Amino acid sequence: MEGPMGQKLKQQEFALVSVSELSPSSSTSPSKPVVARFCADSGISELRFHKEPESIATRNVDLRTARLFKLGPVQSVCISEGSEASKETSYSRGITVQFRNEEESRTFHSAFEQWKKEVSQGKQLSNGTILDTRSKFDDKIEPSSAKMYFHYYGQLLHQQNMLQDYVRTGTYYAAVVENRTDFIGRVVVDVGAGSGILSLFAAQAGAKHVYAVEASEMAEYAQKLIAGNPSLGQRITVVKGKVEEVELPEKADILISEPMGTLLVNERMLESYVIARDRFLVPNGKMFPTVGRIHMAPFSDEYLFIEIANKALFWQQQNYYGVDLTPLHGSAFQGYFSQPVVDAFDPRLLVAPPIFHGIDFMKIKEEELYEIDIPLRFTSSVGARVHGLACWFDVLFNGSTVQRWLSTAPGAPTTHWYQLRCVLSQPIYVMAGQEITGRLHMIAHNAQSYTIYLTLSAKMWGPGAEQGGILQTSSCKLDLKEPYYRMSQPQAYPIVQDQQSHQLISTQDIPIQSHDLEEPELMQQPSPNSGTHLNIMENV
């Protein structure tokens, strides 16, 4: 803790020409000359406006919630939050401030920002302490995004959608009850508990106590559901709050959570899962799930490409109520291709065996999830026009008794995550046996998602290919936060007899070894020896 803020920022005064309330219903004229004082003599950092020679402040502004904006060279407006009764931030009070000259305006703004900075960093005041109320979550996530996120998951209809994903819910149930030895007599923390269903599963498996941590209003529903199952609920405590902020009375032997979003990482809850590990998990404790893998393969889908491209045809109209829309056609075309496509597709659309990128939740650092860089290298099984990169994920529950995989692969039973495809606006052409290289680069942003940068290139093939270079390259930038939900079932694509096929093994039953995660950036699937075989056929 640094020294008292009073030693760094002493009470400051500024002489002003006038101040006045900013309100639609206010008709008051600006006040006579006043003095503005920055002070903290009540333990709260405030900006006070005094009418001289009066000593009592006529207006007080809490600097924790205030903002200052310039209206002109010598005029500014200070606004502060209104009531929090609605649980929504609203700025219901504004004060216009008139300065004597530009220099005093600049000095005032500088002082305002310095006092705000000291408050936000939780510095100690000379006569009290302002606690740092901002958590790691608050520092990296935009408030409006967090508000929408917690509102969404605070509704029962969305919880029902996830509960009715029987692949998801059934796999979690099996992973827990089949590994009772991991839960019996153990302390469990359910990270982002939602409805509390996983906490109830852990209690069924014999957990000594479960702490169900949930930040949204769903915590109240979870409490009600758990209370309605008293034989289990007596061993479950619902804790409302973010895992980055809450305090628990004891460490956990096991963390259980469902932190996966689209493409595994969307919504950035994996970071909260890792923070919970660092804060609450005992050494050598377990995490359910334990590891995750993002699988990728190039695909060919002419129907999808045409569907997306045709959306921009609206902007090719040259006489739309007398207006030429064509100047915006290029921007609209690129805009539609900036949306990742979320749907369930036919695995025969894949033109090469997939690779995967592994994430070990037991070892990864939170900061390593801020930027994910995956080199791509495939060998085409067929001659085709490659329209982009298809992605899906699976996670492993590495129990002491049973290892369970939850897979979202194409051809496997469909989940509410579906699969995701990044579509190139400029497809590339490949021949059978040709090498496809590239890069999938994902950068986290403060709207709880990622910006995706994809590049695919086709290299020379045939005799002398090792001396050849890149023939074609295509790139795209996509926002994982704004996907195109194309919730149609996989179409039946005709099979042409002379097409070459390639068999892929389903990954959900493959045991994972510890060494598999040492170099997770680029891993080729093992040769087929068990599981479900998927035929890869060229799209026609």
Protein backbone atom coordinates (compact mmCIF):
# COMPACT_ATOMS: atom_id res chain seq x y z
CA MET A 1 0.00 0.00 0.00
CA GLU A 2 1.40 3.39 -0.92
CA GLY A 3 1.48 6.31 1.50
CA PRO A 4 -1.56 8.49 2.18
CA MET A 5 -2.85 10.26 -0.87
CA GLY A 6 -3.02 13.46 1.16
CA GLN A 7 0.77 13.49 1.07
CA LYS A 8 0.69 13.51 -2.72
CA LEU A 9 -2.50 15.48 -3.50
CA LYS A 10 -3.38 18.11 -0.97
CA GLN A 11 -6.67 19.99 -1.05
CA GLN A 12 -6.78 22.12 -4.20
CA GLU A 13 -8.86 25.20 -4.95
CA PHE A 14 -9.82 26.86 -8.23
CA ALA A 15 -11.57 30.19 -8.66
CA LEU A 16 -14.38 29.95 -11.22
CA VAL A 17 -16.46 32.53 -13.03
CA SER A 18 -19.68 30.58 -12.43
CA VAL A 19 -21.35 27.20 -12.15
CA SER A 20 -24.91 26.19 -13.03
CA GLU A 21 -27.04 23.07 -13.02
CA LEU A 22 -27.47 21.36 -16.37
CA SER A 23 -31.05 20.10 -16.52
CA PRO A 24 -33.84 20.13 -19.14
CA SER A 25 -36.25 21.53 -16.54
CA SER A 26 -33.79 23.97 -14.98
CA SER A 27 -34.10 27.65 -15.74
CA THR A 28 -31.67 28.87 -13.10
CA SER A 29 -29.09 31.41 -14.12
CA PRO A 30 -25.38 30.81 -13.50
CA SER A 31 -24.28 31.43 -9.94
CA LYS A 32 -21.98 34.20 -8.83
CA PRO A 33 -18.23 33.53 -8.72
CA VAL A 34 -17.46 30.34 -6.83
CA VAL A 35 -14.51 28.30 -5.65
CA ALA A 36 -14.09 24.64 -6.63
CA ARG A 37 -12.26 22.47 -4.09
CA PHE A 38 -10.87 18.95 -4.51
CA CYS A 39 -10.79 17.39 -1.07
CA ALA A 40 -11.16 14.16 0.90
CA ASP A 41 -11.90 15.23 4.47
CA SER A 42 -14.74 12.71 4.85
CA GLY A 43 -12.90 9.69 3.50
CA ILE A 44 -14.52 10.18 0.10
CA SER A 45 -12.77 12.07 -2.66
CA GLU A 46 -15.07 14.91 -3.72
CA LEU A 47 -15.26 18.02 -5.85
CA ARG A 48 -17.08 20.76 -3.94
CA PHE A 49 -18.36 24.08 -5.20
CA HIS A 50 -18.49 26.93 -2.65
CA LYS A 51 -20.08 30.35 -3.02
CA GLU A 52 -17.67 32.84 -1.53
CA PRO A 53 -17.54 33.98 1.15
CA GLU A 54 -19.87 31.13 2.29
CA SER A 55 -18.04 28.15 3.77
CA ILE A 56 -20.75 25.56 3.17
CA ALA A 57 -20.55 23.74 -0.16
CA THR A 58 -23.55 24.31 -2.41
CA ARG A 59 -22.81 21.34 -4.64
CA ASN A 60 -20.81 18.15 -3.95
CA VAL A 61 -19.64 15.72 -6.65
CA ASP A 62 -18.35 12.23 -5.81
CA LEU A 63 -15.22 11.77 -7.92
CA ARG A 64 -15.67 8.00 -7.97
CA THR A 65 -18.65 8.37 -10.33
CA ALA A 66 -18.02 11.76 -11.94
CA ARG A 67 -16.85 12.59 -15.45
CA LEU A 68 -15.66 15.89 -16.89
CA PHE A 69 -16.06 17.02 -20.50
CA LYS A 70 -14.93 20.17 -22.34
CA LEU A 71 -17.67 22.24 -23.98
CA GLY A 72 -15.29 24.96 -25.12
CA PRO A 73 -11.96 26.61 -24.30
CA VAL A 74 -13.23 28.00 -20.98
CA GLN A 75 -16.36 25.95 -20.38
CA SER A 76 -16.79 22.34 -19.22
CA VAL A 77 -19.54 20.10 -17.90
CA CYS A 78 -19.21 17.74 -14.92
CA ILE A 79 -21.71 14.88 -14.78
CA SER A 80 -22.24 12.35 -12.02
CA GLU A 81 -24.17 9.13 -11.64
CA GLY A 82 -27.71 9.17 -10.41
CA SER A 83 -29.49 6.57 -8.32
CA GLU A 84 -28.42 2.93 -8.56
CA ALA A 85 -31.90 1.70 -7.68
CA SER A 86 -32.46 0.58 -11.24
CA LYS A 87 -29.14 -1.32 -11.23
CA GLU A 88 -28.25 0.67 -14.34
CA THR A 89 -25.67 3.42 -14.56
CA SER A 90 -27.43 6.70 -15.30
CA TYR A 91 -25.95 10.18 -15.33
CA SER A 92 -28.79 12.29 -13.98
CA ARG A 93 -26.90 15.37 -12.76
CA GLY A 94 -24.80 17.81 -14.70
CA ILE A 95 -23.02 21.03 -13.72
CA THR A 96 -21.59 23.50 -16.23
CA VAL A 97 -18.39 25.18 -15.14
CA GLN A 98 -17.14 28.50 -16.52
CA PHE A 99 -13.41 29.25 -16.14
CA ARG A 100 -11.65 32.61 -16.22
CA ASN A 101 -9.18 31.57 -18.93
CA GLU A 102 -7.91 28.56 -20.90
CA GLU A 103 -4.89 28.02 -18.65
CA GLU A 104 -7.07 27.61 -15.56
CA SER A 105 -9.34 25.27 -17.53
CA ARG A 106 -6.40 23.03 -18.45
CA THR A 107 -5.08 23.03 -14.86
CA PHE A 108 -8.52 22.14 -13.51
CA HIS A 109 -8.90 19.22 -15.95
CA SER A 110 -5.44 17.95 -15.06
CA ALA A 111 -6.25 18.04 -11.35
CA PHE A 112 -9.56 16.31 -11.96
CA GLU A 113 -7.91 13.45 -13.83
CA GLN A 114 -5.19 13.08 -11.20
CA TRP A 115 -7.69 12.83 -8.37
CA LYS A 116 -9.77 10.34 -10.40
CA LYS A 117 -6.66 8.25 -11.03
CA GLU A 118 -5.80 8.13 -7.32
CA VAL A 119 -9.35 7.06 -6.48
CA SER A 120 -9.49 4.33 -9.16
CA GLN A 121 -6.18 2.86 -7.95
CA GLY A 122 -7.50 2.57 -4.40
CA LYS A 123 -4.91 4.85 -2.77
CA GLN A 124 -5.17 5.55 0.95
CA LEU A 125 -6.49 8.94 1.94
CA SER A 126 -5.09 10.94 4.83
CA ASN A 127 -8.26 10.37 6.85
CA GLY A 128 -9.52 7.09 5.50
CA THR A 129 -9.17 4.43 2.80
CA ILE A 130 -10.93 4.01 -0.50
CA LEU A 131 -11.07 0.33 -1.26
CA ASP A 132 -10.17 -0.78 -4.74
CA THR A 133 -13.55 -1.98 -6.00
CA ARG A 134 -12.34 -2.81 -9.50
CA SER A 135 -11.37 -6.44 -10.04
CA LYS A 136 -9.25 -7.94 -12.78
CA PHE A 137 -12.48 -8.68 -14.65
CA ASP A 138 -13.52 -5.01 -14.51
CA ASP A 139 -10.13 -3.86 -15.77
CA LYS A 140 -10.23 -5.91 -18.97
CA ILE A 141 -13.95 -6.13 -19.81
CA GLU A 142 -16.11 -3.29 -21.10
CA PRO A 143 -18.94 -2.57 -18.59
CA SER A 144 -21.67 -2.64 -21.25
CA SER A 145 -20.50 -6.07 -22.44
CA ALA A 146 -20.40 -7.43 -18.89
CA LYS A 147 -23.87 -6.06 -18.21
CA MET A 148 -25.35 -7.77 -21.28
CA TYR A 149 -23.44 -10.98 -20.52
CA PHE A 150 -24.73 -11.31 -16.96
CA HIS A 151 -28.23 -10.26 -18.01
CA TYR A 152 -28.28 -13.00 -20.66
CA TYR A 153 -27.15 -15.76 -18.31
CA GLY A 154 -29.46 -14.47 -15.59
CA GLN A 155 -32.50 -15.66 -17.55
CA LEU A 156 -33.95 -19.12 -17.12
CA LEU A 157 -34.76 -19.55 -20.81
CA HIS A 158 -31.05 -19.43 -21.69
CA GLN A 159 -30.18 -21.81 -18.88
CA GLN A 160 -32.85 -24.15 -20.21
CA ASN A 161 -31.26 -24.02 -23.66
CA MET A 162 -27.99 -25.27 -22.17
CA LEU A 163 -29.63 -27.83 -19.90
CA GLN A 164 -31.49 -29.27 -22.89
CA ASP A 165 -28.22 -29.78 -24.70
CA TYR A 166 -28.17 -33.41 -23.62
CA VAL A 167 -24.71 -34.05 -25.08
CA ARG A 168 -23.33 -31.31 -22.86
CA THR A 169 -25.34 -32.04 -19.73
CA GLY A 170 -25.11 -35.82 -20.08
CA THR A 171 -21.35 -35.75 -20.56
CA TYR A 172 -20.87 -33.59 -17.46
CA TYR A 173 -23.09 -35.91 -15.43
CA ALA A 174 -21.21 -39.01 -16.61
CA ALA A 175 -17.82 -37.39 -16.01
CA VAL A 176 -18.78 -36.57 -12.42
CA VAL A 177 -20.67 -39.68 -11.27
CA GLU A 178 -18.24 -42.08 -12.98
CA ASN A 179 -15.40 -40.46 -11.05
CA ARG A 180 -16.94 -40.53 -7.59
CA THR A 181 -13.55 -41.23 -6.05
CA ASP A 182 -12.49 -37.74 -7.09
CA PHE A 183 -15.50 -36.14 -5.37
CA ILE A 184 -16.27 -38.17 -2.25
CA GLY A 185 -15.39 -36.12 0.82
CA ARG A 186 -13.87 -33.31 -1.27
CA VAL A 187 -14.49 -29.55 -1.41
CA VAL A 188 -15.69 -28.41 -4.83
CA VAL A 189 -15.97 -24.92 -6.34
CA ASP A 190 -18.41 -24.54 -9.23
CA VAL A 191 -17.11 -21.62 -11.31
CA GLY A 192 -19.96 -19.74 -12.99
CA ALA A 193 -22.56 -22.08 -11.51
CA GLY A 194 -25.55 -20.81 -13.48
CA SER A 195 -28.60 -22.84 -12.46
CA GLY A 196 -26.45 -24.87 -10.06
CA ILE A 197 -26.84 -28.12 -11.96
CA LEU A 198 -23.14 -29.00 -11.82
CA SER A 199 -23.05 -28.27 -8.10
CA LEU A 200 -25.92 -30.72 -7.64
CA PHE A 201 -24.05 -33.32 -9.72
CA ALA A 202 -20.98 -32.87 -7.49
CA ALA A 203 -23.13 -33.30 -4.39
CA GLN A 204 -24.64 -36.47 -5.90
CA ALA A 205 -21.10 -37.79 -6.36
CA GLY A 206 -20.42 -37.36 -2.63
CA ALA A 207 -18.72 -33.97 -2.36
CA LYS A 208 -18.25 -32.82 1.24
CA HIS A 209 -19.20 -29.26 0.31
CA VAL A 210 -19.75 -27.31 -2.91
CA TYR A 211 -19.40 -23.55 -3.33
CA ALA A 212 -21.51 -22.45 -6.30
CA VAL A 213 -20.10 -19.11 -7.46
CA GLU A 214 -22.39 -17.17 -9.81
CA ALA A 215 -22.24 -13.45 -10.65
CA SER A 216 -25.57 -13.02 -12.45
CA GLU A 217 -29.10 -12.91 -11.08
CA MET A 218 -29.23 -16.64 -11.83
CA ALA A 219 -27.66 -17.07 -8.38
CA GLU A 220 -31.10 -16.51 -6.86
CA TYR A 221 -32.64 -19.21 -9.06
CA ALA A 222 -29.78 -21.55 -8.24
CA GLN A 223 -30.44 -20.98 -4.54
CA LYS A 224 -34.11 -21.83 -5.08
CA LEU A 225 -33.31 -24.99 -7.07
CA ILE A 226 -30.76 -26.16 -4.53
CA ALA A 227 -33.14 -25.48 -1.63
CA GLY A 228 -35.71 -27.60 -3.43
CA ASN A 229 -33.30 -30.55 -3.29
CA PRO A 230 -32.54 -30.51 0.45
CA SER A 231 -30.72 -33.84 0.62
CA LEU A 232 -28.10 -32.36 -1.70
CA GLY A 233 -28.55 -28.66 -0.97
CA GLN A 234 -27.40 -28.94 2.62
CA ARG A 235 -23.88 -29.42 1.24
CA ILE A 236 -24.04 -26.56 -1.28
CA THR A 237 -23.47 -22.85 -0.64
CA VAL A 238 -24.40 -20.35 -3.33
CA VAL A 239 -21.98 -17.41 -3.47
CA LYS A 240 -23.13 -14.48 -5.59
CA GLY A 241 -20.24 -12.64 -7.19
CA LYS A 242 -17.39 -12.92 -9.67
CA VAL A 243 -14.67 -15.49 -9.03
CA GLU A 244 -12.19 -12.65 -9.41
CA GLU A 245 -13.72 -10.92 -6.36
CA VAL A 246 -15.39 -13.36 -3.96
CA GLU A 247 -13.69 -14.82 -0.91
CA LEU A 248 -14.29 -18.44 0.13
CA PRO A 249 -13.71 -19.94 3.59
CA GLU A 250 -11.60 -22.84 2.30
CA LYS A 251 -9.63 -24.09 -0.67
CA ALA A 252 -11.09 -26.46 -3.26
CA ASP A 253 -9.95 -29.98 -4.08
CA ILE A 254 -11.79 -29.80 -7.40
CA LEU A 255 -12.97 -27.03 -9.71
CA ILE A 256 -15.90 -27.77 -11.98
CA SER A 257 -17.14 -25.37 -14.61
CA GLU A 258 -18.62 -25.01 -18.06
CA PRO A 259 -16.44 -22.14 -19.33
CA MET A 260 -16.49 -23.00 -23.04
CA GLY A 261 -17.86 -20.59 -25.61
CA THR A 262 -18.02 -20.74 -29.38
CA LEU A 263 -14.59 -21.84 -30.67
CA LEU A 264 -13.85 -22.74 -27.03
CA VAL A 265 -12.60 -19.24 -26.13
CA ASN A 266 -15.53 -16.92 -26.89
CA GLU A 267 -16.89 -14.99 -23.89
CA ARG A 268 -13.42 -15.21 -22.28
CA MET A 269 -14.69 -17.28 -19.36
CA LEU A 270 -11.68 -19.56 -19.64
CA GLU A 271 -9.71 -16.73 -18.07
CA SER A 272 -12.05 -16.69 -15.08
CA TYR A 273 -11.67 -20.47 -14.82
CA VAL A 274 -7.88 -20.07 -14.69
CA ILE A 275 -8.13 -17.23 -12.14
CA ALA A 276 -10.33 -19.47 -9.97
CA ARG A 277 -7.63 -22.16 -10.22
CA ASP A 278 -4.98 -19.75 -9.01
CA ARG A 279 -7.16 -18.41 -6.19
CA PHE A 280 -8.96 -21.46 -4.86
CA LEU A 281 -7.49 -24.79 -6.03
CA VAL A 282 -5.20 -26.73 -3.72
CA PRO A 283 -1.87 -27.97 -5.14
CA ASN A 284 -2.42 -31.10 -7.25
CA GLY A 285 -6.16 -30.48 -7.24
CA LYS A 286 -8.35 -31.44 -10.22
CA MET A 287 -10.19 -29.41 -12.82
CA PHE A 288 -13.27 -30.64 -14.68
CA PRO A 289 -12.72 -30.06 -17.60
CA THR A 290 -8.96 -30.52 -17.58
CA VAL A 291 -7.83 -29.70 -21.12
CA GLY A 292 -9.39 -28.29 -24.26
CA ARG A 293 -8.52 -28.58 -27.94
CA ILE A 294 -9.42 -26.37 -30.89
CA HIS A 295 -9.61 -28.43 -34.10
CA MET A 296 -9.20 -26.89 -37.54
CA ALA A 297 -9.42 -28.01 -41.16
CA PRO A 298 -9.92 -26.27 -44.52
CA PHE A 299 -13.33 -26.76 -46.11
CA SER A 300 -15.08 -26.35 -49.44
CA ASP A 301 -18.73 -25.20 -49.44
CA GLU A 302 -19.90 -23.43 -52.59
CA TYR A 303 -23.46 -23.11 -51.26
CA LEU A 304 -22.32 -21.23 -48.17
CA PHE A 305 -19.98 -18.95 -50.12
CA ILE A 306 -22.70 -17.96 -52.59
CA GLU A 307 -25.19 -17.44 -49.75
CA ILE A 308 -22.90 -14.96 -48.00
CA ALA A 309 -21.83 -13.18 -51.20
CA ASN A 310 -25.46 -12.79 -52.31
CA LYS A 311 -26.34 -10.92 -49.13
CA ALA A 312 -24.44 -7.93 -50.49
CA LEU A 313 -26.40 -7.87 -53.77
CA PHE A 314 -28.85 -5.44 -52.15
CA TRP A 315 -26.11 -2.82 -52.31
CA GLN A 316 -25.68 -3.21 -56.06
CA GLN A 317 -28.93 -1.39 -56.74
CA GLN A 318 -28.35 1.75 -58.78
CA ASN A 319 -31.86 3.16 -58.39
CA TYR A 320 -33.10 2.47 -54.86
CA TYR A 321 -35.79 5.13 -54.51
CA GLY A 322 -33.62 7.29 -56.73
CA VAL A 323 -30.43 6.54 -54.79
CA ASP A 324 -27.37 4.67 -56.12
CA LEU A 325 -26.31 2.20 -53.40
CA THR A 326 -23.32 0.78 -55.24
CA PRO A 327 -20.69 2.92 -53.42
CA LEU A 328 -21.34 0.80 -50.33
CA HIS A 329 -21.35 -2.60 -52.02
CA GLY A 330 -17.66 -3.33 -51.37
CA SER A 331 -17.93 -2.45 -47.68
CA ALA A 332 -21.09 -4.55 -47.28
CA PHE A 333 -19.46 -7.49 -49.08
CA GLN A 334 -16.49 -7.45 -46.72
CA GLY A 335 -18.77 -6.91 -43.74
CA TYR A 336 -20.69 -10.11 -44.39
CA PHE A 337 -17.44 -12.06 -44.72
CA SER A 338 -16.23 -10.65 -41.38
CA GLN A 339 -18.83 -12.76 -39.57
CA PRO A 340 -17.83 -16.28 -38.54
CA VAL A 341 -20.52 -18.77 -39.49
CA VAL A 342 -21.98 -20.88 -36.68
CA ASP A 343 -23.87 -23.96 -37.85
CA ALA A 344 -23.68 -27.74 -38.12
CA PHE A 345 -22.04 -28.83 -41.36
CA ASP A 346 -21.44 -32.07 -43.20
CA PRO A 347 -17.93 -33.40 -42.37
CA ARG A 348 -17.52 -34.41 -46.02
CA LEU A 349 -16.96 -30.70 -46.74
CA LEU A 350 -13.52 -30.91 -45.15
CA VAL A 351 -10.74 -31.15 -47.72
CA ALA A 352 -7.88 -32.19 -45.41
CA PRO A 353 -7.36 -34.02 -42.11
CA PRO A 354 -7.71 -31.64 -39.15
CA ILE A 355 -5.03 -30.45 -36.77
CA PHE A 356 -5.59 -29.20 -33.23
CA HIS A 357 -4.27 -26.67 -30.74
CA GLY A 358 -4.26 -27.87 -27.13
CA ILE A 359 -4.90 -25.80 -24.00
CA ASP A 360 -4.05 -27.33 -20.63
CA PHE A 361 -6.30 -25.62 -18.08
CA MET A 362 -4.11 -26.94 -15.26
CA LYS A 363 -1.00 -25.16 -16.55
CA ILE A 364 -1.88 -22.25 -18.81
CA LYS A 365 -1.48 -18.71 -17.53
CA GLU A 366 -4.36 -16.29 -17.81
CA GLU A 367 -2.29 -13.87 -19.91
CA GLU A 368 -1.58 -16.61 -22.47
CA LEU A 369 -5.27 -16.53 -23.37
CA TYR A 370 -5.12 -12.87 -24.37
CA GLU A 371 -3.49 -13.79 -27.68
CA ILE A 372 -3.56 -17.19 -29.37
CA ASP A 373 -1.39 -17.79 -32.43
CA ILE A 374 -1.76 -21.08 -34.31
CA PRO A 375 0.34 -21.98 -37.37
CA LEU A 376 -1.62 -24.00 -39.93
CA ARG A 377 -0.33 -26.77 -42.20
CA PHE A 378 -2.54 -29.23 -44.07
CA THR A 379 -2.25 -31.61 -47.00
CA SER A 380 -5.30 -31.54 -49.26
CA SER A 381 -7.03 -34.88 -49.77
CA VAL A 382 -8.98 -33.71 -52.83
CA GLY A 383 -8.91 -31.14 -55.56
CA ALA A 384 -11.28 -28.37 -54.52
CA ARG A 385 -11.91 -24.68 -54.07
CA VAL A 386 -11.11 -23.91 -50.43
CA HIS A 387 -13.59 -21.44 -48.97
CA GLY A 388 -12.08 -21.11 -45.51
CA LEU A 389 -11.27 -22.78 -42.22
CA ALA A 390 -13.68 -24.95 -40.22
CA CYS A 391 -13.23 -25.10 -36.43
CA TRP A 392 -14.65 -27.00 -33.50
CA PHE A 393 -13.46 -28.02 -30.05
CA ASP A 394 -13.50 -30.78 -27.48
CA VAL A 395 -12.66 -30.90 -23.77
CA LEU A 396 -11.37 -33.71 -21.57
CA PHE A 397 -12.55 -34.57 -18.06
CA ASN A 398 -9.45 -36.34 -16.80
CA GLY A 399 -10.94 -38.31 -13.92
CA SER A 400 -9.06 -40.84 -11.83
CA THR A 401 -11.45 -43.61 -12.88
CA VAL A 402 -12.78 -42.59 -16.30
CA GLN A 403 -11.64 -40.13 -18.95
CA ARG A 404 -14.56 -38.44 -20.71
CA TRP A 405 -14.46 -36.28 -23.83
CA LEU A 406 -17.11 -33.72 -24.72
CA SER A 407 -16.89 -33.19 -28.47
CA THR A 408 -18.49 -30.61 -30.79
CA ALA A 409 -17.05 -32.18 -33.96
CA PRO A 410 -18.95 -32.25 -37.26
CA GLY A 411 -20.68 -35.58 -37.64
CA ALA A 412 -20.88 -36.05 -33.86
CA PRO A 413 -24.19 -35.42 -32.05
CA THR A 414 -24.97 -31.72 -32.37
CA THR A 415 -24.49 -29.44 -29.36
CA HIS A 416 -25.63 -25.88 -28.72
CA TRP A 417 -22.11 -24.78 -29.67
CA TYR A 418 -22.45 -26.24 -33.21
CA GLN A 419 -19.26 -25.64 -35.25
CA LEU A 420 -17.68 -22.47 -36.57
CA ARG A 421 -16.38 -21.58 -40.02
CA CYS A 422 -14.26 -18.64 -41.10
CA VAL A 423 -15.14 -17.93 -44.74
CA LEU A 424 -12.68 -16.29 -47.13
CA SER A 425 -14.01 -13.64 -49.52
CA GLN A 426 -11.41 -14.90 -52.03
CA PRO A 427 -11.30 -18.73 -52.13
CA ILE A 428 -8.11 -20.55 -53.12
CA TYR A 429 -7.80 -23.54 -55.45
CA VAL A 430 -5.95 -26.70 -54.43
CA MET A 431 -5.16 -30.09 -55.94
CA ALA A 432 -5.02 -33.43 -54.14
CA GLY A 433 -1.73 -33.71 -52.27
CA GLN A 434 -1.11 -29.97 -52.30
CA GLU A 435 0.08 -28.34 -49.09
CA ILE A 436 -2.06 -25.61 -47.49
CA THR A 437 -0.33 -23.35 -44.98
CA GLY A 438 -1.43 -20.36 -42.99
CA ARG A 439 -2.06 -18.83 -39.61
CA LEU A 440 -4.98 -18.43 -37.22
CA HIS A 441 -4.31 -15.48 -34.95
CA MET A 442 -6.83 -14.56 -32.24
CA ILE A 443 -6.56 -11.42 -30.11
CA ALA A 444 -8.86 -10.90 -27.13
CA HIS A 445 -10.83 -7.66 -26.88
CA ASN A 446 -12.80 -6.01 -24.08
CA ALA A 447 -16.20 -7.10 -25.40
CA GLN A 448 -15.48 -10.59 -24.01
CA SER A 449 -14.47 -12.10 -27.31
CA TYR A 450 -11.72 -12.20 -29.93
CA THR A 451 -10.72 -10.62 -33.20
CA ILE A 452 -9.71 -13.40 -35.60
CA TYR A 453 -7.08 -12.98 -38.31
CA LEU A 454 -6.95 -15.89 -40.76
CA THR A 455 -4.55 -16.44 -43.63
CA LEU A 456 -4.52 -19.50 -45.91
CA SER A 457 -2.05 -20.11 -48.72
CA ALA A 458 -1.68 -22.84 -51.34
CA LYS A 459 1.90 -23.95 -52.03
CA MET A 460 3.36 -25.55 -55.11
CA TRP A 461 2.73 -29.25 -55.54
CA GLY A 462 4.06 -32.10 -57.62
CA PRO A 463 7.69 -32.70 -58.71
CA GLY A 464 9.96 -29.88 -57.63
CA ALA A 465 7.42 -28.48 -55.19
CA GLU A 466 10.09 -28.07 -52.53
CA GLN A 467 11.73 -25.42 -54.72
CA GLY A 468 8.42 -23.69 -55.38
CA GLY A 469 6.72 -20.97 -53.38
CA ILE A 470 3.23 -19.77 -52.58
CA LEU A 471 0.77 -19.80 -55.48
CA GLN A 472 -2.25 -18.17 -53.82
CA THR A 473 -2.96 -16.42 -50.52
CA SER A 474 -6.22 -15.23 -49.03
CA SER A 475 -6.84 -13.50 -45.70
CA CYS A 476 -9.76 -12.28 -43.64
CA LYS A 477 -10.48 -10.49 -40.36
CA LEU A 478 -13.46 -11.63 -38.32
CA ASP A 479 -15.12 -10.69 -35.03
CA LEU A 480 -15.97 -13.74 -32.96
CA LYS A 481 -18.42 -11.58 -31.00
CA GLU A 482 -20.63 -11.08 -34.08
CA PRO A 483 -21.19 -14.48 -35.74
CA TYR A 484 -23.74 -15.40 -38.38
CA TYR A 485 -25.95 -18.03 -36.74
CA ARG A 486 -26.89 -20.30 -39.61
CA MET A 487 -28.80 -22.87 -37.63
CA SER A 488 -29.67 -25.23 -40.46
CA GLN A 489 -29.00 -28.94 -40.26
CA PRO A 490 -26.19 -30.38 -42.40
CA GLN A 491 -27.24 -30.64 -46.03
CA ALA A 492 -26.99 -33.88 -47.92
CA TYR A 493 -24.20 -33.35 -50.42
CA PRO A 494 -24.05 -35.72 -53.40
CA ILE A 495 -21.06 -38.02 -53.65
CA VAL A 496 -19.30 -38.27 -56.99
CA GLN A 497 -17.80 -41.70 -57.68
CA ASP A 498 -14.41 -40.52 -58.89
CA GLN A 499 -13.79 -38.25 -55.93
CA GLN A 500 -11.00 -39.21 -53.59
CA SER A 501 -11.92 -39.79 -49.98
CA HIS A 502 -9.96 -39.54 -46.78
CA GLN A 503 -10.86 -41.05 -43.44
CA LEU A 504 -10.69 -39.06 -40.21
CA ILE A 505 -10.89 -40.45 -36.73
CA SER A 506 -13.29 -38.98 -34.19
CA THR A 507 -11.23 -37.37 -31.43
CA GLN A 508 -13.64 -37.70 -28.55
CA ASP A 509 -12.41 -41.17 -27.48
CA ILE A 510 -8.66 -40.65 -27.97
CA PRO A 511 -6.72 -40.89 -24.67
CA ILE A 512 -4.54 -37.84 -24.21
CA GLN A 513 -1.04 -38.15 -22.87
CA SER A 514 0.83 -35.54 -20.89
CA HIS A 515 3.42 -35.08 -23.61
CA ASP A 516 0.66 -34.21 -26.09
CA LEU A 517 0.37 -30.81 -24.48
CA GLU A 518 4.03 -29.86 -24.46
CA GLU A 519 3.93 -28.46 -27.99
CA PRO A 520 0.24 -27.78 -28.61
CA GLU A 521 0.55 -25.32 -31.45
CA LEU A 522 0.51 -27.84 -34.29
CA MET A 523 -0.58 -31.42 -33.88
CA GLN A 524 -1.54 -33.81 -36.63
CA GLN A 525 -4.27 -36.35 -35.92
CA PRO A 526 -2.98 -39.89 -35.33
CA SER A 527 -3.67 -42.53 -37.91
CA PRO A 528 -7.15 -44.06 -37.74
CA ASN A 529 -7.27 -47.05 -35.44
CA SER A 530 -10.55 -46.71 -33.55
CA GLY A 531 -13.63 -44.57 -33.20
CA THR A 532 -15.89 -43.11 -35.88
CA HIS A 533 -14.52 -42.69 -39.39
CA LEU A 534 -15.55 -39.60 -41.34
CA ASN A 535 -15.27 -39.52 -45.12
CA ILE A 536 -13.94 -36.31 -46.60
CA MET A 537 -15.40 -35.65 -50.03
CA GLU A 538 -15.09 -32.76 -52.42
CA ASN A 539 -18.10 -30.48 -52.52
CA VAL A 540 -19.80 -30.33 -55.90
